[in-house]
Amino acid sequence: MRKGSPRGALILLLCGACTKDQRAQDTIPPFQGTLTAARPSRPAPPVAQLMAVQVTADAGFDRVVFEFADSVLPGYLIEYPEGPIRQCGSGDEVPLAGSSRMVVRLEPAQAHDERGNSTIPNRDWAPRLTVVQEMKLVCDFEGQVEWAIGLAARRHFRVTEMAPAAHIVVDVRHRD
């Protein structure tokens, strides 16, 4: 093998990552530098009804859990948007605590029942955790649900789908 070849560097890199006492792999996907995550919606999927949103602090990350009825998960797009976040009906800018913003778009989804009653009692709250500072439901219209999350700082995150309970879990790291 030639000195300085890419293949030789790869072998050295891989061997450098090996240790004698490797820990067992976590069953949750690792934080791998994700700054956006998406799950495309399938053709003509049923509308997922959002039933609960929970926010908790854990060791090393804050967790936001979106729980849906009837084991139906929507498509999603989770990202750090460019520019301000706006209410979907009025177009008004949405103020949020924190220096960074995250948007969680769920589609097709709804946060209300067939009579138009909200299925989410708390649509605006400030948990003031390490990273997650504030959350607001900014859209529940025509099959789209969108949450704006104010964060203390822009951090890497991971997304986990849990079935059959129909949860989408977003973990935002405390530090990168």
C-alpha atoms as a PDB file:
ATOM      1  CA  MET A   1       0.000   0.000   0.000  1.00  0.00           C
ATOM      2  CA  ARG A   2       1.356   3.460  -0.909  1.00  0.00           C
ATOM      3  CA  LYS A   3       2.231   5.796   1.909  1.00  0.00           C
ATOM      4  CA  GLY A   4      -0.530   8.362   2.425  1.00  0.00           C
ATOM      5  CA  SER A   5      -3.103   6.480   0.343  1.00  0.00           C
ATOM      6  CA  PRO A   6      -6.784   7.149   1.187  1.00  0.00           C
ATOM      7  CA  ARG A   7      -7.368   3.453   1.897  1.00  0.00           C
ATOM      8  CA  GLY A   8      -4.499   3.389   4.392  1.00  0.00           C
ATOM      9  CA  ALA A   9      -5.884   6.477   6.128  1.00  0.00           C
ATOM     10  CA  LEU A  10      -9.300   4.823   6.371  1.00  0.00           C
ATOM     11  CA  ILE A  11      -7.811   1.687   7.945  1.00  0.00           C
ATOM     12  CA  LEU A  12      -5.877   3.797  10.445  1.00  0.00           C
ATOM     13  CA  LEU A  13      -8.989   5.831  11.206  1.00  0.00           C
ATOM     14  CA  LEU A  14     -11.081   2.711  11.781  1.00  0.00           C
ATOM     15  CA  CYS A  15      -8.432   1.045  13.947  1.00  0.00           C
ATOM     16  CA  GLY A  16      -8.050   4.221  15.978  1.00  0.00           C
ATOM     17  CA  ALA A  17     -11.749   4.027  16.816  1.00  0.00           C
ATOM     18  CA  CYS A  18     -11.422   0.493  18.269  1.00  0.00           C
ATOM     19  CA  THR A  19     -10.951   0.050  22.004  1.00  0.00           C
ATOM     20  CA  LYS A  20     -10.719  -3.019  24.204  1.00  0.00           C
ATOM     21  CA  ASP A  21     -13.644  -2.118  26.439  1.00  0.00           C
ATOM     22  CA  GLN A  22     -16.251  -0.847  24.016  1.00  0.00           C
ATOM     23  CA  ARG A  23     -19.589  -0.170  25.651  1.00  0.00           C
ATOM     24  CA  ALA A  24     -22.790  -1.835  24.527  1.00  0.00           C
ATOM     25  CA  GLN A  25     -24.590   0.160  21.870  1.00  0.00           C
ATOM     26  CA  ASP A  26     -27.475   2.295  23.069  1.00  0.00           C
ATOM     27  CA  THR A  27     -30.788   1.174  21.586  1.00  0.00           C
ATOM     28  CA  ILE A  28     -31.654   4.793  20.798  1.00  0.00           C
ATOM     29  CA  PRO A  29     -29.955   6.232  17.686  1.00  0.00           C
ATOM     30  CA  PRO A  30     -26.872   8.315  18.535  1.00  0.00           C
ATOM     31  CA  PHE A  31     -26.647  12.057  18.039  1.00  0.00           C
ATOM     32  CA  GLN A  32     -24.950  12.289  14.649  1.00  0.00           C
ATOM     33  CA  GLY A  33     -24.962  15.974  13.906  1.00  0.00           C
ATOM     34  CA  THR A  34     -28.570  16.111  12.732  1.00  0.00           C
ATOM     35  CA  LEU A  35     -29.832  19.622  12.120  1.00  0.00           C
ATOM     36  CA  THR A  36     -32.917  18.579  10.162  1.00  0.00           C
ATOM     37  CA  ALA A  37     -34.987  15.387  10.063  1.00  0.00           C
ATOM     38  CA  ALA A  38     -37.870  14.304   7.873  1.00  0.00           C
ATOM     39  CA  ARG A  39     -40.270  11.412   7.471  1.00  0.00           C
ATOM     40  CA  PRO A  40     -42.148  11.799   4.200  1.00  0.00           C
ATOM     41  CA  SER A  41     -45.866  11.173   4.267  1.00  0.00           C
ATOM     42  CA  ARG A  42     -47.117   8.263   2.198  1.00  0.00           C
ATOM     43  CA  PRO A  43     -49.753   8.501  -0.533  1.00  0.00           C
ATOM     44  CA  ALA A  44     -53.205   9.110   0.965  1.00  0.00           C
ATOM     45  CA  PRO A  45     -52.292   8.243   4.561  1.00  0.00           C
ATOM     46  CA  PRO A  46     -54.879   8.618   7.297  1.00  0.00           C
ATOM     47  CA  VAL A  47     -54.752  11.894   9.204  1.00  0.00           C
ATOM     48  CA  ALA A  48     -52.876  11.426  12.474  1.00  0.00           C
ATOM     49  CA  GLN A  49     -54.641  12.971  15.454  1.00  0.00           C
ATOM     50  CA  LEU A  50     -52.241  14.565  17.942  1.00  0.00           C
ATOM     51  CA  MET A  51     -53.416  13.658  21.435  1.00  0.00           C
ATOM     52  CA  ALA A  52     -50.609  14.861  23.721  1.00  0.00           C
ATOM     53  CA  VAL A  53     -47.321  16.735  23.794  1.00  0.00           C
ATOM     54  CA  GLN A  54     -44.897  16.214  26.658  1.00  0.00           C
ATOM     55  CA  VAL A  55     -41.599  17.905  27.460  1.00  0.00           C
ATOM     56  CA  THR A  56     -39.072  16.476  29.917  1.00  0.00           C
ATOM     57  CA  ALA A  57     -35.433  16.881  30.856  1.00  0.00           C
ATOM     58  CA  ASP A  58     -33.110  13.896  30.736  1.00  0.00           C
ATOM     59  CA  ALA A  59     -29.391  13.405  31.338  1.00  0.00           C
ATOM     60  CA  GLY A  60     -27.719  15.290  28.494  1.00  0.00           C
ATOM     61  CA  PHE A  61     -30.814  16.279  26.508  1.00  0.00           C
ATOM     62  CA  ASP A  62     -34.342  17.688  26.630  1.00  0.00           C
ATOM     63  CA  ARG A  63     -37.094  15.484  25.193  1.00  0.00           C
ATOM     64  CA  VAL A  64     -40.271  16.511  23.362  1.00  0.00           C
ATOM     65  CA  VAL A  65     -42.795  13.707  22.737  1.00  0.00           C
ATOM     66  CA  PHE A  66     -45.695  13.971  20.277  1.00  0.00           C
ATOM     67  CA  GLU A  67     -48.331  11.269  20.917  1.00  0.00           C
ATOM     68  CA  PHE A  68     -50.906  10.284  18.279  1.00  0.00           C
ATOM     69  CA  ALA A  69     -54.179   8.331  18.418  1.00  0.00           C
ATOM     70  CA  ASP A  70     -54.862   4.949  16.825  1.00  0.00           C
ATOM     71  CA  SER A  71     -51.208   4.017  16.113  1.00  0.00           C
ATOM     72  CA  VAL A  72     -51.087   6.451  13.169  1.00  0.00           C
ATOM     73  CA  LEU A  73     -47.871   8.426  12.640  1.00  0.00           C
ATOM     74  CA  PRO A  74     -47.825  11.433  10.296  1.00  0.00           C
ATOM     75  CA  GLY A  75     -45.008  12.547   8.078  1.00  0.00           C
ATOM     76  CA  TYR A  76     -42.786  15.187   9.660  1.00  0.00           C
ATOM     77  CA  LEU A  77     -40.186  17.832   8.985  1.00  0.00           C
ATOM     78  CA  ILE A  78     -38.101  19.066  11.899  1.00  0.00           C
ATOM     79  CA  GLU A  79     -35.667  21.890  11.231  1.00  0.00           C
ATOM     80  CA  TYR A  80     -34.053  25.125  12.287  1.00  0.00           C
ATOM     81  CA  PRO A  81     -35.807  27.609   9.998  1.00  0.00           C
ATOM     82  CA  GLU A  82     -34.277  30.629   8.322  1.00  0.00           C
ATOM     83  CA  GLY A  83     -36.156  33.800   9.199  1.00  0.00           C
ATOM     84  CA  PRO A  84     -39.039  34.338  11.608  1.00  0.00           C
ATOM     85  CA  ILE A  85     -41.702  31.784  12.506  1.00  0.00           C
ATOM     86  CA  ARG A  86     -45.224  32.855  11.566  1.00  0.00           C
ATOM     87  CA  GLN A  87     -48.765  31.858  12.624  1.00  0.00           C
ATOM     88  CA  CYS A  88     -50.275  29.903   9.705  1.00  0.00           C
ATOM     89  CA  GLY A  89     -53.642  31.713   9.746  1.00  0.00           C
ATOM     90  CA  SER A  90     -52.673  35.324  10.330  1.00  0.00           C
ATOM     91  CA  GLY A  91     -49.055  35.388   9.174  1.00  0.00           C
ATOM     92  CA  ASP A  92     -48.145  37.172  12.415  1.00  0.00           C
ATOM     93  CA  GLU A  93     -44.606  36.629  13.651  1.00  0.00           C
ATOM     94  CA  VAL A  94     -44.421  34.282  16.652  1.00  0.00           C
ATOM     95  CA  PRO A  95     -42.195  35.517  19.506  1.00  0.00           C
ATOM     96  CA  LEU A  96     -40.388  32.767  21.432  1.00  0.00           C
ATOM     97  CA  ALA A  97     -38.061  32.641  24.414  1.00  0.00           C
ATOM     98  CA  GLY A  98     -34.491  31.584  23.679  1.00  0.00           C
ATOM     99  CA  SER A  99     -31.893  32.493  21.085  1.00  0.00           C
ATOM    100  CA  SER A 100     -32.759  29.760  18.561  1.00  0.00           C
ATOM    101  CA  ARG A 101     -35.940  28.338  17.040  1.00  0.00           C
ATOM    102  CA  MET A 102     -36.956  24.886  15.880  1.00  0.00           C
ATOM    103  CA  VAL A 103     -40.049  24.000  13.845  1.00  0.00           C
ATOM    104  CA  VAL A 104     -41.797  20.629  14.013  1.00  0.00           C
ATOM    105  CA  ARG A 105     -44.225  20.200  11.088  1.00  0.00           C
ATOM    106  CA  LEU A 106     -46.538  17.165  11.191  1.00  0.00           C
ATOM    107  CA  GLU A 107     -48.514  16.228   8.066  1.00  0.00           C
ATOM    108  CA  PRO A 108     -51.153  14.930   7.544  1.00  0.00           C
ATOM    109  CA  ALA A 109     -52.125  15.613  11.129  1.00  0.00           C
ATOM    110  CA  GLN A 110     -54.576  17.546  13.253  1.00  0.00           C
ATOM    111  CA  ALA A 111     -54.672  18.721  16.871  1.00  0.00           C
ATOM    112  CA  HIS A 112     -58.476  18.813  17.078  1.00  0.00           C
ATOM    113  CA  ASP A 113     -61.371  16.335  16.951  1.00  0.00           C
ATOM    114  CA  GLU A 114     -64.128  16.066  14.324  1.00  0.00           C
ATOM    115  CA  ARG A 115     -66.121  18.802  16.128  1.00  0.00           C
ATOM    116  CA  GLY A 116     -63.197  21.228  16.064  1.00  0.00           C
ATOM    117  CA  ASN A 117     -62.394  20.855  19.776  1.00  0.00           C
ATOM    118  CA  SER A 118     -58.704  20.965  20.624  1.00  0.00           C
ATOM    119  CA  THR A 119     -57.104  17.648  21.581  1.00  0.00           C
ATOM    120  CA  ILE A 120     -54.156  19.541  23.084  1.00  0.00           C
ATOM    121  CA  PRO A 121     -55.104  21.560  26.168  1.00  0.00           C
ATOM    122  CA  ASN A 122     -51.755  23.322  26.452  1.00  0.00           C
ATOM    123  CA  ARG A 123     -50.902  24.983  23.124  1.00  0.00           C
ATOM    124  CA  ASP A 124     -48.452  27.536  24.523  1.00  0.00           C
ATOM    125  CA  TRP A 125     -46.154  26.984  27.469  1.00  0.00           C
ATOM    126  CA  ALA A 126     -42.680  27.706  28.768  1.00  0.00           C
ATOM    127  CA  PRO A 127     -41.068  24.645  30.400  1.00  0.00           C
ATOM    128  CA  ARG A 128     -37.738  26.548  30.793  1.00  0.00           C
ATOM    129  CA  LEU A 129     -35.601  23.404  30.619  1.00  0.00           C
ATOM    130  CA  THR A 130     -31.877  23.407  29.828  1.00  0.00           C
ATOM    131  CA  VAL A 131     -32.456  23.840  26.080  1.00  0.00           C
ATOM    132  CA  VAL A 132     -36.235  23.826  25.473  1.00  0.00           C
ATOM    133  CA  GLN A 133     -37.420  27.211  26.695  1.00  0.00           C
ATOM    134  CA  GLU A 134     -40.884  27.622  25.173  1.00  0.00           C
ATOM    135  CA  MET A 135     -43.319  25.807  22.850  1.00  0.00           C
ATOM    136  CA  LYS A 136     -46.237  27.144  20.812  1.00  0.00           C
ATOM    137  CA  LEU A 137     -48.704  25.481  18.466  1.00  0.00           C
ATOM    138  CA  VAL A 138     -48.593  27.823  15.467  1.00  0.00           C
ATOM    139  CA  CYS A 139     -50.696  25.838  12.988  1.00  0.00           C
ATOM    140  CA  ASP A 140     -53.556  23.328  13.075  1.00  0.00           C
ATOM    141  CA  PHE A 141     -55.136  23.771   9.664  1.00  0.00           C
ATOM    142  CA  GLU A 142     -55.926  21.654   6.589  1.00  0.00           C
ATOM    143  CA  GLY A 143     -54.020  18.571   7.710  1.00  0.00           C
ATOM    144  CA  GLN A 144     -50.950  20.379   8.977  1.00  0.00           C
ATOM    145  CA  VAL A 145     -49.861  20.788  12.584  1.00  0.00           C
ATOM    146  CA  GLU A 146     -46.839  22.930  13.318  1.00  0.00           C
ATOM    147  CA  TRP A 147     -45.057  23.582  16.616  1.00  0.00           C
ATOM    148  CA  ALA A 148     -42.505  26.317  17.179  1.00  0.00           C
ATOM    149  CA  ILE A 149     -39.941  25.610  19.871  1.00  0.00           C
ATOM    150  CA  GLY A 150     -37.780  28.321  21.417  1.00  0.00           C
ATOM    151  CA  LEU A 151     -34.368  26.955  22.401  1.00  0.00           C
ATOM    152  CA  ALA A 152     -31.588  28.325  24.587  1.00  0.00           C
ATOM    153  CA  ALA A 153     -29.175  27.523  21.714  1.00  0.00           C
ATOM    154  CA  ARG A 154     -29.100  25.701  18.399  1.00  0.00           C
ATOM    155  CA  ARG A 155     -28.131  22.120  19.235  1.00  0.00           C
ATOM    156  CA  HIS A 156     -27.979  18.796  17.434  1.00  0.00           C
ATOM    157  CA  PHE A 157     -31.034  16.632  17.829  1.00  0.00           C
ATOM    158  CA  ARG A 158     -32.287  13.143  17.065  1.00  0.00           C
ATOM    159  CA  VAL A 159     -35.738  11.865  16.162  1.00  0.00           C
ATOM    160  CA  THR A 160     -37.124   8.477  17.177  1.00  0.00           C
ATOM    161  CA  GLU A 161     -40.419   6.934  16.068  1.00  0.00           C
ATOM    162  CA  MET A 162     -42.056   4.624  18.582  1.00  0.00           C
ATOM    163  CA  ALA A 163     -44.637   2.093  17.502  1.00  0.00           C
ATOM    164  CA  PRO A 164     -47.221   0.803  18.096  1.00  0.00           C
ATOM    165  CA  ALA A 165     -47.768   3.598  20.635  1.00  0.00           C
ATOM    166  CA  ALA A 166     -47.470   6.188  17.812  1.00  0.00           C
ATOM    167  CA  HIS A 167     -44.979   8.616  19.330  1.00  0.00           C
ATOM    168  CA  ILE A 168     -42.498  10.892  17.617  1.00  0.00           C
ATOM    169  CA  VAL A 169     -39.707  11.748  20.045  1.00  0.00           C
ATOM    170  CA  VAL A 170     -37.342  14.696  19.527  1.00  0.00           C
ATOM    171  CA  ASP A 171     -34.268  14.788  21.791  1.00  0.00           C
ATOM    172  CA  VAL A 172     -32.279  18.047  21.754  1.00  0.00           C
ATOM    173  CA  ARG A 173     -28.766  17.855  23.194  1.00  0.00           C
ATOM    174  CA  HIS A 174     -27.760  20.101  26.055  1.00  0.00           C
ATOM    175  CA  ARG A 175     -24.237  20.515  24.582  1.00  0.00           C
ATOM    176  CA  ASP A 176     -22.680  19.782  21.195  1.00  0.00           C
END
